[in-house]
């Protein structure tokens, strides 16, 4: 009988360990179930936040495309203005080159004045500038000579 009594004791001990393990496992499973509900709430709020972020990203992308189109249009306008200014500057520098020589010559040459203020040989209403210049160039030279 001692062998059966020892065997019963071992089985009883193993059953006690199993019951203790089952109690611990039950507590852990209860915690997992409680955390599972919380985890579901967290996942649901994460899905909601992701949907909001996707919508905001879509709106931001549309706004960026609109701004990109407007910016391209403005750059095109700026290039056109730049080209116009470059053309005007080129023409102006050519005009300055053509006008600088007669102006320098007119300023450095001594000019005897009559009482009327005109150079000798020039009648009232007659231009003091060379005739090969355009009307605008003559007016500019006259304005610079004053």
Protein backbone atom coordinates (compact mmCIF):
# COMPACT_ATOMS: atom_id res chain seq x y z
CA UNK A 1 0.00 0.00 0.00
CA UNK A 2 2.78 2.35 0.49
CA UNK A 3 3.44 2.49 -3.18
CA UNK A 4 -0.15 3.42 -3.95
CA UNK A 5 -0.14 5.96 -1.13
CA UNK A 6 3.03 7.56 -2.49
CA UNK A 7 1.55 7.56 -5.97
CA UNK A 8 -1.65 9.18 -4.66
CA UNK A 9 0.45 11.82 -2.88
CA UNK A 10 2.38 12.60 -6.03
CA UNK A 11 -0.84 12.86 -8.06
CA UNK A 12 -2.38 15.11 -5.35
CA UNK A 13 0.72 17.33 -5.44
CA UNK A 14 0.58 17.56 -9.21
CA UNK A 15 -3.13 18.40 -9.04
CA UNK A 16 -2.34 21.21 -6.54
CA UNK A 17 0.33 22.60 -8.87
CA UNK A 18 -2.12 22.33 -11.78
CA UNK A 19 -4.85 24.13 -9.82
CA UNK A 20 -2.38 26.88 -8.87
CA UNK A 21 -1.31 27.19 -12.49
CA UNK A 22 -4.96 27.31 -13.64
CA UNK A 23 -5.71 30.12 -11.15
CA UNK A 24 -2.71 32.11 -12.42
CA UNK A 25 -3.68 31.41 -16.04
CA UNK A 26 -7.27 32.50 -15.33
CA UNK A 27 -6.04 35.82 -13.89
CA UNK A 28 -3.83 36.41 -16.90
CA UNK A 29 -6.62 35.54 -19.34
CA UNK A 30 -8.95 37.95 -17.53
CA UNK A 31 -6.30 40.69 -17.85
CA UNK A 32 -5.85 39.90 -21.55
CA UNK A 33 -9.63 40.13 -22.08
CA UNK A 34 -9.77 43.46 -20.28
CA UNK A 35 -6.72 44.73 -22.20
CA UNK A 36 -8.23 43.31 -25.39
CA UNK A 37 -11.22 45.64 -25.03
CA UNK A 38 -8.85 48.52 -24.42
CA UNK A 39 -6.72 47.39 -27.34
CA UNK A 40 -9.82 47.36 -29.58
CA UNK A 41 -10.60 50.93 -28.51
CA UNK A 42 -7.01 51.97 -29.22
CA UNK A 43 -7.07 50.31 -32.65
CA UNK A 44 -10.42 51.96 -33.46
CA UNK A 45 -9.11 55.41 -32.48
CA UNK A 46 -5.93 54.74 -34.47
CA UNK A 47 -8.04 53.85 -37.54
CA UNK A 48 -10.05 57.04 -37.07
CA UNK A 49 -6.90 59.15 -36.75
CA UNK A 50 -5.45 57.49 -39.86
CA UNK A 51 -8.60 58.28 -41.85
CA UNK A 52 -8.46 61.93 -40.72
CA UNK A 53 -4.77 62.14 -41.62
CA UNK A 54 -5.45 60.69 -45.08
CA UNK A 55 -8.23 63.24 -45.65
CA UNK A 56 -5.99 66.09 -44.48
CA UNK A 57 -3.17 64.84 -46.71
CA UNK A 58 -5.52 64.74 -49.68
CA UNK A 59 -6.66 68.33 -49.04
CA UNK A 60 -3.05 69.42 -48.58
CA UNK A 61 -2.08 67.76 -51.85
CA UNK A 62 -4.91 69.52 -53.70
CA UNK A 63 -3.92 72.87 -52.19
CA UNK A 64 -0.29 72.24 -53.16
CA UNK A 65 -1.29 71.49 -56.74
CA UNK A 66 -3.30 74.73 -56.88
CA UNK A 67 -0.38 76.70 -55.48
CA UNK A 68 1.96 74.98 -57.93
CA UNK A 69 -0.21 76.02 -60.87
CA UNK A 70 -0.43 79.60 -59.62
CA UNK A 71 3.31 79.70 -59.03
CA UNK A 72 4.06 78.40 -62.53
CA UNK A 73 1.78 81.09 -63.95
CA UNK A 74 3.53 83.80 -61.94
CA UNK A 75 6.95 82.51 -63.00
CA UNK A 76 5.83 82.66 -66.63
CA UNK A 77 4.67 86.25 -66.15
CA UNK A 78 7.92 87.13 -64.41
CA UNK A 79 9.95 85.64 -67.26
CA UNK A 80 7.97 87.68 -69.77
CA UNK A 81 8.60 90.85 -67.76
CA UNK A 82 12.28 89.91 -67.45
CA UNK A 83 12.53 89.45 -71.20
CA UNK A 84 10.85 92.81 -71.77
CA UNK A 85 13.20 94.49 -69.31
CA UNK A 86 16.23 92.86 -70.91
CA UNK A 87 15.10 94.14 -74.30
CA UNK A 88 14.55 97.65 -72.93
CA UNK A 89 17.93 97.60 -71.19
CA UNK A 90 19.65 96.48 -74.39
CA UNK A 91 17.97 99.24 -76.37
CA UNK A 92 18.72 101.80 -73.64
CA UNK A 93 22.39 100.87 -73.46
CA UNK A 94 22.65 101.27 -77.23
CA UNK A 95 20.96 104.63 -77.00
CA UNK A 96 23.24 105.73 -74.17
CA UNK A 97 26.25 104.73 -76.26
CA UNK A 98 25.01 106.74 -79.20
CA UNK A 99 24.10 109.74 -77.08
CA UNK A 100 27.13 109.85 -74.81
CA UNK A 101 29.55 110.93 -77.54
CA UNK A 102 27.56 114.00 -78.72
CA UNK A 103 26.73 114.95 -75.11
CA UNK A 104 30.38 114.69 -74.06
CA UNK A 105 31.42 116.71 -77.09
CA UNK A 106 28.73 119.31 -76.43
CA UNK A 107 29.70 119.62 -72.77
CA UNK A 108 33.44 119.85 -73.40
CA UNK A 109 33.25 122.30 -76.31
CA UNK A 110 33.31 125.98 -75.33
CA UNK A 111 30.10 127.67 -76.34
CA UNK A 112 30.05 131.39 -76.73
CA UNK A 113 26.66 132.71 -75.87
CA UNK A 114 24.70 135.55 -77.32
CA UNK A 115 22.43 137.67 -75.30
CA UNK A 116 19.54 135.44 -76.30
CA UNK A 117 21.36 132.43 -74.78
CA UNK A 118 21.76 130.60 -78.09
CA UNK A 119 25.06 129.58 -79.65
CA UNK A 120 26.29 131.72 -82.54
CA UNK A 121 24.64 130.92 -85.84
CA UNK A 122 21.58 129.41 -84.19
CA UNK A 123 18.33 131.27 -84.59
CA UNK A 124 15.46 131.23 -82.14
CA UNK A 125 13.52 127.93 -82.46
CA UNK A 126 16.38 126.17 -84.28
CA UNK A 127 17.92 123.06 -82.68
CA UNK A 128 21.54 123.07 -81.46
CA UNK A 129 21.93 119.28 -81.96
CA UNK A 130 23.26 117.41 -84.98
CA UNK A 131 20.55 116.68 -87.61
CA UNK A 132 21.32 112.91 -87.92
CA UNK A 133 19.79 112.25 -84.47
CA UNK A 134 16.15 111.36 -84.04
CA UNK A 135 13.72 113.84 -82.56
CA UNK A 136 13.76 112.07 -79.16
CA UNK A 137 17.56 112.03 -79.13
CA UNK A 138 17.68 115.74 -79.97
CA UNK A 139 15.21 116.55 -77.21
CA UNK A 140 17.23 114.49 -74.74
CA UNK A 141 20.46 116.24 -75.71
CA UNK A 142 18.79 119.64 -75.38
CA UNK A 143 17.48 118.70 -71.93
CA UNK A 144 20.91 117.51 -70.85
CA UNK A 145 22.59 120.66 -72.15
CA UNK A 146 20.40 122.89 -69.94
